[in-house]
Structure formats: structure tokens, C-alpha cells
Amino acid sequence: MDNDKTLEHLLKIEAEAAALVNDAQAEADRRVHENDEKSRSAFEERYRVEAELRESSLKKEKEKLRKQYQQSIDDYREEISGINADMERFSTLFNVYIGEG
């Protein structure tokens, strides 16, 4: 009879230990999931901030280049507007060059 009680007691302790292990595993899973969510949220926030900074920098650089391009075009137009073309002389030289003059 003592063996039965001892065995029953050991089975009860084993069941309690299994319940503790299951509870600990559930708590560990919950914490891991919680940490995953926090990490994902922190990453997404850092990614968003970095993306906004880079997009802002890109927009500024594009605007700077657009202004430089426009200034180059304006300078070129100003430069060529001062050139007087002698179309009659050009036609004569062109015809001589191609052999019709």
C-alpha cells in the first residue's frame, strides 16, 4: 500500500512539474512574441524616419540640380542670343563645301 501512495505522490509531483513547465513555456512564448512585436515596431519606426530623411534629402538635391540645369540653359540662351548669324555667308560657304558653289 505504501508503494501505491508513493507512486501516486510521485505522479502528482510529476503532473505539477509538467504544469509548471507548460506555464513557463507559455510565459516564454508570450515574452518572445511581445519582444518580437516591440522589435518590429521599433524597426518600422526607425525605417520610416530614415526613409523620410532620405526622401527629403533627395528632394532637396533634385531641386538644387533642377536650378543648376535651368541656370545653365539660361546662360546658354543668353550667350547665343548675342551671336549674329550671317545666313547669306553661311549658305555660300555651305554650298562651296558641298560642291554646289
PDB file of N, CA and C in Angstrom:
ATOM      1  N   MET A   1       0.807  -1.177   0.000  1.00  0.00           N
ATOM      2  CA  MET A   1       0.000   0.000   0.000  1.00  0.00           C
ATOM      3  C   MET A   1       0.860   1.254   0.000  1.00  0.00           C
ATOM      4  N   ASP A   2       1.966   1.207   0.766  1.00  0.00           N
ATOM      5  CA  ASP A   2       2.871   2.353   0.787  1.00  0.00           C
ATOM      6  C   ASP A   2       3.428   2.630  -0.602  1.00  0.00           C
ATOM      7  N   ASN A   3       3.677   1.582  -1.361  1.00  0.00           N
ATOM      8  CA  ASN A   3       4.182   1.754  -2.720  1.00  0.00           C
ATOM      9  C   ASN A   3       3.164   2.481  -3.590  1.00  0.00           C
ATOM     10  N   ASP A   4       1.886   2.152  -3.383  1.00  0.00           N
ATOM     11  CA  ASP A   4       0.829   2.818  -4.146  1.00  0.00           C
ATOM     12  C   ASP A   4       0.788   4.298  -3.825  1.00  0.00           C
ATOM     13  N   LYS A   5       0.889   4.615  -2.529  1.00  0.00           N
ATOM     14  CA  LYS A   5       0.855   6.018  -2.119  1.00  0.00           C
ATOM     15  C   LYS A   5       2.080   6.761  -2.636  1.00  0.00           C
ATOM     16  N   THR A   6       3.229   6.107  -2.586  1.00  0.00           N
ATOM     17  CA  THR A   6       4.466   6.724  -3.062  1.00  0.00           C
ATOM     18  C   THR A   6       4.369   6.980  -4.565  1.00  0.00           C
ATOM     19  N   LEU A   7       3.884   5.990  -5.293  1.00  0.00           N
ATOM     20  CA  LEU A   7       3.734   6.123  -6.725  1.00  0.00           C
ATOM     21  C   LEU A   7       2.726   7.218  -7.061  1.00  0.00           C
ATOM     22  N   GLU A   8       1.624   7.236  -6.332  1.00  0.00           N
ATOM     23  CA  GLU A   8       0.607   8.262  -6.547  1.00  0.00           C
ATOM     24  C   GLU A   8       1.178   9.647  -6.253  1.00  0.00           C
ATOM     25  N   HIS A   9       1.951   9.737  -5.180  1.00  0.00           N
ATOM     26  CA  HIS A   9       2.586  11.012  -4.817  1.00  0.00           C
ATOM     27  C   HIS A   9       3.572  11.464  -5.908  1.00  0.00           C
ATOM     28  N   LEU A  10       4.364  10.536  -6.425  1.00  0.00           N
ATOM     29  CA  LEU A  10       5.323  10.861  -7.475  1.00  0.00           C
ATOM     30  C   LEU A  10       4.611  11.295  -8.765  1.00  0.00           C
ATOM     31  N   LEU A  11       3.522  10.637  -9.085  1.00  0.00           N
ATOM     32  CA  LEU A  11       2.750  11.016 -10.273  1.00  0.00           C
ATOM     33  C   LEU A  11       2.146  12.408 -10.112  1.00  0.00           C
ATOM     34  N   LYS A  12       1.686  12.696  -8.881  1.00  0.00           N
ATOM     35  CA  LYS A  12       1.129  14.023  -8.600  1.00  0.00           C
ATOM     36  C   LYS A  12       2.214  15.093  -8.758  1.00  0.00           C
ATOM     37  N   ILE A  13       3.414  14.830  -8.244  1.00  0.00           N
ATOM     38  CA  ILE A  13       4.530  15.773  -8.356  1.00  0.00           C
ATOM     39  C   ILE A  13       4.926  15.947  -9.827  1.00  0.00           C
ATOM     40  N   GLU A  14       4.930  14.843 -10.562  1.00  0.00           N
ATOM     41  CA  GLU A  14       5.263  14.907 -11.980  1.00  0.00           C
ATOM     42  C   GLU A  14       4.235  15.749 -12.735  1.00  0.00           C
ATOM     43  N   ALA A  15       2.973  15.589 -12.416  1.00  0.00           N
ATOM     44  CA  ALA A  15       1.914  16.374 -13.059  1.00  0.00           C
ATOM     45  C   ALA A  15       2.074  17.854 -12.726  1.00  0.00           C
ATOM     46  N   GLU A  16       2.407  18.150 -11.462  1.00  0.00           N
ATOM     47  CA  GLU A  16       2.634  19.551 -11.071  1.00  0.00           C
ATOM     48  C   GLU A  16       3.839  20.132 -11.805  1.00  0.00           C
ATOM     49  N   ALA A  17       4.899  19.325 -11.939  1.00  0.00           N
ATOM     50  CA  ALA A  17       6.104  19.775 -12.654  1.00  0.00           C
ATOM     51  C   ALA A  17       5.783  20.017 -14.127  1.00  0.00           C
ATOM     52  N   ALA A  18       4.998  19.140 -14.716  1.00  0.00           N
ATOM     53  CA  ALA A  18       4.617  19.309 -16.114  1.00  0.00           C
ATOM     54  C   ALA A  18       3.790  20.576 -16.289  1.00  0.00           C
ATOM     55  N   ALA A  19       2.906  20.838 -15.338  1.00  0.00           N
ATOM     56  CA  ALA A  19       2.095  22.056 -15.396  1.00  0.00           C
ATOM     57  C   ALA A  19       2.980  23.283 -15.270  1.00  0.00           C
ATOM     58  N   LEU A  20       3.980  23.237 -14.374  1.00  0.00           N
ATOM     59  CA  LEU A  20       4.920  24.357 -14.233  1.00  0.00           C
ATOM     60  C   LEU A  20       5.711  24.581 -15.522  1.00  0.00           C
ATOM     61  N   VAL A  21       6.149  23.485 -16.128  1.00  0.00           N
ATOM     62  CA  VAL A  21       6.906  23.588 -17.384  1.00  0.00           C
ATOM     63  C   VAL A  21       6.019  24.185 -18.477  1.00  0.00           C
ATOM     64  N   ASN A  22       4.774  23.709 -18.553  1.00  0.00           N
ATOM     65  CA  ASN A  22       3.848  24.250 -19.554  1.00  0.00           C
ATOM     66  C   ASN A  22       3.586  25.739 -19.324  1.00  0.00           C
ATOM     67  N   ASP A  23       3.401  26.123 -18.056  1.00  0.00           N
ATOM     68  CA  ASP A  23       3.179  27.538 -17.737  1.00  0.00           C
ATOM     69  C   ASP A  23       4.407  28.374 -18.102  1.00  0.00           C
ATOM     70  N   ALA A  24       5.586  27.838 -17.783  1.00  0.00           N
ATOM     71  CA  ALA A  24       6.827  28.554 -18.087  1.00  0.00           C
ATOM     72  C   ALA A  24       7.000  28.693 -19.599  1.00  0.00           C
ATOM     73  N   GLN A  25       6.680  27.639 -20.351  1.00  0.00           N
ATOM     74  CA  GLN A  25       6.795  27.701 -21.803  1.00  0.00           C
ATOM     75  C   GLN A  25       5.812  28.717 -22.385  1.00  0.00           C
ATOM     76  N   ALA A  26       4.598  28.738 -21.859  1.00  0.00           N
ATOM     77  CA  ALA A  26       3.602  29.700 -22.327  1.00  0.00           C
ATOM     78  C   ALA A  26       4.064  31.130 -22.032  1.00  0.00           C
ATOM     79  N   GLU A  27       4.622  31.344 -20.850  1.00  0.00           N
ATOM     80  CA  GLU A  27       5.126  32.674 -20.488  1.00  0.00           C
ATOM     81  C   GLU A  27       6.305  33.068 -21.379  1.00  0.00           C
ATOM     82  N   ALA A  28       7.196  32.118 -21.643  1.00  0.00           N
ATOM     83  CA  ALA A  28       8.338  32.388 -22.513  1.00  0.00           C
ATOM     84  C   ALA A  28       7.847  32.724 -23.929  1.00  0.00           C
ATOM     85  N   ASP A  29       6.890  31.982 -24.426  1.00  0.00           N
ATOM     86  CA  ASP A  29       6.333  32.256 -25.756  1.00  0.00           C
ATOM     87  C   ASP A  29       5.703  33.644 -25.802  1.00  0.00           C
ATOM     88  N   ARG A  30       4.975  33.998 -24.759  1.00  0.00           N
ATOM     89  CA  ARG A  30       4.337  35.311 -24.694  1.00  0.00           C
ATOM     90  C   ARG A  30       5.385  36.413 -24.713  1.00  0.00           C
ATOM     91  N   ARG A  31       6.449  36.231 -23.928  1.00  0.00           N
ATOM     92  CA  ARG A  31       7.505  37.242 -23.863  1.00  0.00           C
ATOM     93  C   ARG A  31       8.242  37.362 -25.198  1.00  0.00           C
ATOM     94  N   VAL A  32       8.505  36.237 -25.823  1.00  0.00           N
ATOM     95  CA  VAL A  32       9.179  36.257 -27.122  1.00  0.00           C
ATOM     96  C   VAL A  32       8.304  36.987 -28.133  1.00  0.00           C
ATOM     97  N   HIS A  33       7.022  36.667 -28.148  1.00  0.00           N
ATOM     98  CA  HIS A  33       6.092  37.333 -29.063  1.00  0.00           C
ATOM     99  C   HIS A  33       6.041  38.836 -28.775  1.00  0.00           C
ATOM    100  N   GLU A  34       5.988  39.195 -27.511  1.00  0.00           N
ATOM    101  CA  GLU A  34       5.956  40.612 -27.115  1.00  0.00           C
ATOM    102  C   GLU A  34       7.230  41.331 -27.570  1.00  0.00           C
ATOM    103  N   ASN A  35       8.376  40.679 -27.362  1.00  0.00           N
ATOM    104  CA  ASN A  35       9.658  41.261 -27.802  1.00  0.00           C
ATOM    105  C   ASN A  35       9.716  41.386 -29.318  1.00  0.00           C
ATOM    106  N   ASP A  36       9.201  40.372 -30.016  1.00  0.00           N
ATOM    107  CA  ASP A  36       9.157  40.446 -31.486  1.00  0.00           C
ATOM    108  C   ASP A  36       8.340  41.650 -31.932  1.00  0.00           C
ATOM    109  N   GLU A  37       7.193  41.848 -31.315  1.00  0.00           N
ATOM    110  CA  GLU A  37       6.331  42.977 -31.671  1.00  0.00           C
ATOM    111  C   GLU A  37       7.029  44.310 -31.384  1.00  0.00           C
ATOM    112  N   LYS A  38       7.680  44.409 -30.227  1.00  0.00           N
ATOM    113  CA  LYS A  38       8.396  45.645 -29.885  1.00  0.00           C
ATOM    114  C   LYS A  38       9.534  45.896 -30.868  1.00  0.00           C
ATOM    115  N   SER A  39      10.282  44.845 -31.181  1.00  0.00           N
ATOM    116  CA  SER A  39      11.404  44.984 -32.115  1.00  0.00           C
ATOM    117  C   SER A  39      10.907  45.381 -33.498  1.00  0.00           C
ATOM    118  N   ARG A  40       9.846  44.749 -33.961  1.00  0.00           N
ATOM    119  CA  ARG A  40       9.295  45.060 -35.275  1.00  0.00           C
ATOM    120  C   ARG A  40       8.796  46.505 -35.306  1.00  0.00           C
ATOM    121  N   SER A  41       8.139  46.905 -34.242  1.00  0.00           N
ATOM    122  CA  SER A  41       7.620  48.277 -34.170  1.00  0.00           C
ATOM    123  C   SER A  41       8.774  49.291 -34.165  1.00  0.00           C
ATOM    124  N   ALA A  42       9.814  49.009 -33.385  1.00  0.00           N
ATOM    125  CA  ALA A  42      10.971  49.909 -33.326  1.00  0.00           C
ATOM    126  C   ALA A  42      11.668  49.975 -34.689  1.00  0.00           C
ATOM    127  N   PHE A  43      11.812  48.819 -35.344  1.00  0.00           N
ATOM    128  CA  PHE A  43      12.428  48.795 -36.667  1.00  0.00           C
ATOM    129  C   PHE A  43      11.621  49.611 -37.658  1.00  0.00           C
ATOM    130  N   GLU A  44      10.315  49.411 -37.672  1.00  0.00           N
ATOM    131  CA  GLU A  44       9.461  50.135 -38.609  1.00  0.00           C
ATOM    132  C   GLU A  44       9.541  51.636 -38.375  1.00  0.00           C
ATOM    133  N   GLU A  45       9.614  52.049 -37.123  1.00  0.00           N
ATOM    134  CA  GLU A  45       9.726  53.475 -36.810  1.00  0.00           C
ATOM    135  C   GLU A  45      11.064  54.023 -37.299  1.00  0.00           C
ATOM    136  N   ARG A  46      12.161  53.311 -37.023  1.00  0.00           N
ATOM    137  CA  ARG A  46      13.480  53.751 -37.494  1.00  0.00           C
ATOM    138  C   ARG A  46      13.517  53.784 -39.020  1.00  0.00           C
ATOM    139  N   TYR A  47      12.917  52.794 -39.652  1.00  0.00           N
ATOM    140  CA  TYR A  47      12.879  52.730 -41.115  1.00  0.00           C
ATOM    141  C   TYR A  47      12.100  53.924 -41.667  1.00  0.00           C
ATOM    142  N   ARG A  48      10.957  54.224 -41.067  1.00  0.00           N
ATOM    143  CA  ARG A  48      10.128  55.338 -41.520  1.00  0.00           C
ATOM    144  C   ARG A  48      10.881  56.653 -41.406  1.00  0.00           C
ATOM    145  N   VAL A  49      11.529  56.870 -40.261  1.00  0.00           N
ATOM    146  CA  VAL A  49      12.282  58.114 -40.040  1.00  0.00           C
ATOM    147  C   VAL A  49      13.422  58.223 -41.057  1.00  0.00           C
ATOM    148  N   GLU A  50      14.158  57.148 -41.239  1.00  0.00           N
ATOM    149  CA  GLU A  50      15.284  57.160 -42.190  1.00  0.00           C
ATOM    150  C   GLU A  50      14.781  57.389 -43.610  1.00  0.00           C
ATOM    151  N   ALA A  51      13.684  56.750 -43.965  1.00  0.00           N
ATOM    152  CA  ALA A  51      13.120  56.933 -45.309  1.00  0.00           C
ATOM    153  C   ALA A  51      12.694  58.382 -45.518  1.00  0.00           C
ATOM    154  N   GLU A  52      12.084  58.988 -44.512  1.00  0.00           N
ATOM    155  CA  GLU A  52      11.674  60.388 -44.625  1.00  0.00           C
ATOM    156  C   GLU A  52      12.885  61.307 -44.781  1.00  0.00           C
ATOM    157  N   LEU A  53      13.954  61.031 -44.021  1.00  0.00           N
ATOM    158  CA  LEU A  53      15.165  61.839 -44.137  1.00  0.00           C
ATOM    159  C   LEU A  53      15.779  61.720 -45.532  1.00  0.00           C
ATOM    160  N   ARG A  54      15.853  60.505 -46.022  1.00  0.00           N
ATOM    161  CA  ARG A  54      16.437  60.294 -47.352  1.00  0.00           C
ATOM    162  C   ARG A  54      15.567  60.895 -48.449  1.00  0.00           C
ATOM    163  N   GLU A  55      14.259  60.779 -48.297  1.00  0.00           N
ATOM    164  CA  GLU A  55      13.369  61.366 -49.293  1.00  0.00           C
ATOM    165  C   GLU A  55      13.495  62.887 -49.301  1.00  0.00           C
ATOM    166  N   SER A  56      13.592  63.479 -48.122  1.00  0.00           N
ATOM    167  CA  SER A  56      13.765  64.927 -48.020  1.00  0.00           C
ATOM    168  C   SER A  56      15.083  65.349 -48.660  1.00  0.00           C
ATOM    169  N   SER A  57      16.138  64.605 -48.370  1.00  0.00           N
ATOM    170  CA  SER A  57      17.448  64.897 -48.945  1.00  0.00           C
ATOM    171  C   SER A  57      17.407  64.771 -50.471  1.00  0.00           C
ATOM    172  N   LEU A  58      16.732  63.753 -50.964  1.00  0.00           N
ATOM    173  CA  LEU A  58      16.611  63.550 -52.401  1.00  0.00           C
ATOM    174  C   LEU A  58      15.864  64.710 -53.056  1.00  0.00           C
ATOM    175  N   LYS A  59      14.776  65.143 -52.434  1.00  0.00           N
ATOM    176  CA  LYS A  59      14.005  66.260 -52.985  1.00  0.00           C
ATOM    177  C   LYS A  59      14.853  67.528 -53.039  1.00  0.00           C
ATOM    178  N   LYS A  60      15.618  67.786 -51.986  1.00  0.00           N
ATOM    179  CA  LYS A  60      16.486  68.970 -51.971  1.00  0.00           C
ATOM    180  C   LYS A  60      17.539  68.885 -53.066  1.00  0.00           C
ATOM    181  N   GLU A  61      18.143  67.720 -53.220  1.00  0.00           N
ATOM    182  CA  GLU A  61      19.175  67.538 -54.244  1.00  0.00           C
ATOM    183  C   GLU A  61      18.580  67.687 -55.639  1.00  0.00           C
ATOM    184  N   LYS A  62      17.392  67.121 -55.861  1.00  0.00           N
ATOM    185  CA  LYS A  62      16.740  67.260 -57.166  1.00  0.00           C
ATOM    186  C   LYS A  62      16.432  68.729 -57.467  1.00  0.00           C
ATOM    187  N   GLU A  63      15.971  69.463 -56.472  1.00  0.00           N
ATOM    188  CA  GLU A  63      15.658  70.880 -56.670  1.00  0.00           C
ATOM    189  C   GLU A  63      16.932  71.670 -56.972  1.00  0.00           C
ATOM    190  N   LYS A  64      18.006  71.352 -56.258  1.00  0.00           N
ATOM    191  CA  LYS A  64      19.289  72.019 -56.491  1.00  0.00           C
ATOM    192  C   LYS A  64      19.764  71.764 -57.927  1.00  0.00           C
ATOM    193  N   LEU A  65      19.683  70.508 -58.370  1.00  0.00           N
ATOM    194  CA  LEU A  65      20.106  70.166 -59.725  1.00  0.00           C
ATOM    195  C   LEU A  65      19.190  70.798 -60.775  1.00  0.00           C
ATOM    196  N   ARG A  66      17.900  70.860 -60.496  1.00  0.00           N
ATOM    197  CA  ARG A  66      16.970  71.496 -61.427  1.00  0.00           C
ATOM    198  C   ARG A  66      17.319  72.971 -61.598  1.00  0.00           C
ATOM    199  N   LYS A  67      17.647  73.643 -60.492  1.00  0.00           N
ATOM    200  CA  LYS A  67      18.031  75.057 -60.567  1.00  0.00           C
ATOM    201  C   LYS A  67      19.339  75.225 -61.340  1.00  0.00           C
ATOM    202  N   GLN A  68      20.308  74.340 -61.090  1.00  0.00           N
ATOM    203  CA  GLN A  68      21.573  74.408 -61.818  1.00  0.00           C
ATOM    204  C   GLN A  68      21.340  74.191 -63.313  1.00  0.00           C
ATOM    205  N   TYR A  69      20.507  73.233 -63.649  1.00  0.00           N
ATOM    206  CA  TYR A  69      20.188  72.953 -65.046  1.00  0.00           C
ATOM    207  C   TYR A  69      19.522  74.168 -65.688  1.00  0.00           C
ATOM    208  N   GLN A  70      18.551  74.732 -64.992  1.00  0.00           N
ATOM    209  CA  GLN A  70      17.854  75.894 -65.540  1.00  0.00           C
ATOM    210  C   GLN A  70      18.808  77.071 -65.718  1.00  0.00           C
ATOM    211  N   GLN A  71      19.724  77.251 -64.769  1.00  0.00           N
ATOM    212  CA  GLN A  71      20.702  78.324 -64.882  1.00  0.00           C
ATOM    213  C   GLN A  71      21.622  78.092 -66.071  1.00  0.00           C
ATOM    214  N   SER A  72      22.031  76.850 -66.277  1.00  0.00           N
ATOM    215  CA  SER A  72      22.882  76.529 -67.436  1.00  0.00           C
ATOM    216  C   SER A  72      22.158  76.831 -68.743  1.00  0.00           C
ATOM    217  N   ILE A  73      20.897  76.452 -68.815  1.00  0.00           N
ATOM    218  CA  ILE A  73      20.098  76.734 -70.023  1.00  0.00           C
ATOM    219  C   ILE A  73      19.968  78.241 -70.225  1.00  0.00           C
ATOM    220  N   ASP A  74      19.659  78.963 -69.150  1.00  0.00           N
ATOM    221  CA  ASP A  74      19.529  80.420 -69.250  1.00  0.00           C
ATOM    222  C   ASP A  74      20.834  81.069 -69.693  1.00  0.00           C
ATOM    223  N   ASP A  75      21.956  80.624 -69.119  1.00  0.00           N
ATOM    224  CA  ASP A  75      23.266  81.158 -69.511  1.00  0.00           C
ATOM    225  C   ASP A  75      23.545  80.876 -70.980  1.00  0.00           C
ATOM    226  N   TYR A  76      23.238  79.664 -71.439  1.00  0.00           N
ATOM    227  CA  TYR A  76      23.470  79.302 -72.832  1.00  0.00           C
ATOM    228  C   TYR A  76      22.602  80.153 -73.757  1.00  0.00           C
ATOM    229  N   ARG A  77      21.344  80.318 -73.401  1.00  0.00           N
ATOM    230  CA  ARG A  77      20.455  81.139 -74.230  1.00  0.00           C
ATOM    231  C   ARG A  77      20.961  82.579 -74.314  1.00  0.00           C
ATOM    232  N   GLU A  78      21.434  83.086 -73.190  1.00  0.00           N
ATOM    233  CA  GLU A  78      21.967  84.455 -73.181  1.00  0.00           C
ATOM    234  C   GLU A  78      23.212  84.542 -74.062  1.00  0.00           C
ATOM    235  N   GLU A  79      24.057  83.526 -73.961  1.00  0.00           N
ATOM    236  CA  GLU A  79      25.286  83.508 -74.755  1.00  0.00           C
ATOM    237  C   GLU A  79      24.987  83.474 -76.254  1.00  0.00           C
ATOM    238  N   ILE A  80      24.070  82.624 -76.658  1.00  0.00           N
ATOM    239  CA  ILE A  80      23.803  82.512 -78.094  1.00  0.00           C
ATOM    240  C   ILE A  80      22.911  83.635 -78.616  1.00  0.00           C
ATOM    241  N   SER A  81      22.202  84.316 -77.731  1.00  0.00           N
ATOM    242  CA  SER A  81      21.352  85.413 -78.208  1.00  0.00           C
ATOM    243  C   SER A  81      22.197  86.588 -78.700  1.00  0.00           C
ATOM    244  N   GLY A  82      23.434  86.698 -78.248  1.00  0.00           N
ATOM    245  CA  GLY A  82      24.320  87.772 -78.664  1.00  0.00           C
ATOM    246  C   GLY A  82      25.045  87.485 -79.958  1.00  0.00           C
ATOM    247  N   ILE A  83      24.894  86.286 -80.485  1.00  0.00           N
ATOM    248  CA  ILE A  83      25.592  85.919 -81.716  1.00  0.00           C
ATOM    249  C   ILE A  83      24.723  86.308 -82.905  1.00  0.00           C
ATOM    250  N   ASN A  84      25.319  87.098 -83.819  1.00  0.00           N
ATOM    251  CA  ASN A  84      24.607  87.480 -85.039  1.00  0.00           C
ATOM    252  C   ASN A  84      24.968  86.477 -86.132  1.00  0.00           C
ATOM    253  N   ALA A  85      23.975  85.838 -86.636  1.00  0.00           N
ATOM    254  CA  ALA A  85      24.211  84.842 -87.678  1.00  0.00           C
ATOM    255  C   ALA A  85      24.143  85.516 -89.043  1.00  0.00           C
ATOM    256  N   ASP A  86      25.161  85.264 -89.844  1.00  0.00           N
ATOM    257  CA  ASP A  86      25.198  85.778 -91.220  1.00  0.00           C
ATOM    258  C   ASP A  86      24.775  84.617 -92.111  1.00  0.00           C
ATOM    259  N   MET A  87      23.472  84.479 -92.293  1.00  0.00           N
ATOM    260  CA  MET A  87      22.917  83.335 -93.007  1.00  0.00           C
ATOM    261  C   MET A  87      23.335  83.313 -94.477  1.00  0.00           C
ATOM    262  N   GLU A  88      23.465  84.475 -95.101  1.00  0.00           N
ATOM    263  CA  GLU A  88      23.861  84.521 -96.510  1.00  0.00           C
ATOM    264  C   GLU A  88      25.275  83.974 -96.679  1.00  0.00           C
ATOM    265  N   ARG A  89      26.173  84.424 -95.814  1.00  0.00           N
ATOM    266  CA  ARG A  89      27.555  83.941 -95.881  1.00  0.00           C
ATOM    267  C   ARG A  89      27.597  82.455 -95.551  1.00  0.00           C
ATOM    268  N   PHE A  90      26.831  82.035 -94.555  1.00  0.00           N
ATOM    269  CA  PHE A  90      26.793  80.614 -94.184  1.00  0.00           C
ATOM    270  C   PHE A  90      26.333  79.773 -95.371  1.00  0.00           C
ATOM    271  N   SER A  91      25.281  80.204 -96.062  1.00  0.00           N
ATOM    272  CA  SER A  91      24.765  79.456 -97.213  1.00  0.00           C
ATOM    273  C   SER A  91      25.819  79.366 -98.305  1.00  0.00           C
ATOM    274  N   THR A  92      26.514  80.457 -98.558  1.00  0.00           N
ATOM    275  CA  THR A  92      27.549  80.470 -99.587  1.00  0.00           C
ATOM    276  C   THR A  92      28.656  79.487 -99.235  1.00  0.00           C
ATOM    277  N   LEU A  93      29.147  79.557 -98.005  1.00  0.00           N
ATOM    278  CA  LEU A  93      30.211  78.647 -97.577  1.00  0.00           C
ATOM    279  C   LEU A  93      29.735  77.198 -97.574  1.00  0.00           C
ATOM    280  N   PHE A  94      28.523  76.990 -97.176  1.00  0.00           N
ATOM    281  CA  PHE A  94      27.967  75.640 -97.131  1.00  0.00           C
ATOM    282  C   PHE A  94      27.888  75.076 -98.541  1.00  0.00           C
ATOM    283  N   ASN A  95      27.403  75.864 -99.476  1.00  0.00           N
ATOM    284  CA  ASN A  95      27.307  75.405-100.867  1.00  0.00           C
ATOM    285  C   ASN A  95      28.683  75.125-101.464  1.00  0.00           C
ATOM    286  N   VAL A  96      29.671  75.941-101.106  1.00  0.00           N
ATOM    287  CA  VAL A  96      31.029  75.692-101.578  1.00  0.00           C
ATOM    288  C   VAL A  96      31.542  74.376-100.985  1.00  0.00           C
ATOM    289  N   TYR A  97      31.263  74.189 -99.762  1.00  0.00           N
ATOM    290  CA  TYR A  97      31.748  72.988 -99.059  1.00  0.00           C
ATOM    291  C   TYR A  97      31.146  71.725 -99.656  1.00  0.00           C
ATOM    292  N   ILE A  98      29.879  71.733 -99.951  1.00  0.00           N
ATOM    293  CA  ILE A  98      29.262  70.528-100.502  1.00  0.00           C
ATOM    294  C   ILE A  98      29.417  70.423-102.015  1.00  0.00           C
ATOM    295  N   GLY A  99      30.026  71.436-102.625  1.00  0.00           N
ATOM    296  CA  GLY A  99      30.361  71.350-104.030  1.00  0.00           C
ATOM    297  C   GLY A  99      29.320  71.909-104.971  1.00  0.00           C
ATOM    298  N   GLU A 100      28.435  72.729-104.483  1.00  0.00           N
ATOM    299  CA  GLU A 100      27.421  73.308-105.372  1.00  0.00           C
ATOM    300  C   GLU A 100      27.707  74.781-105.635  1.00  0.00           C
ATOM    301  N   GLY A 101      28.783  75.281-105.198  1.00  0.00           N
ATOM    302  CA  GLY A 101      29.010  76.701-105.320  1.00  0.00           C
ATOM    303  C   GLY A 101      30.132  77.003-106.199  1.00  0.00           C
TER     304      GLY A 101
END
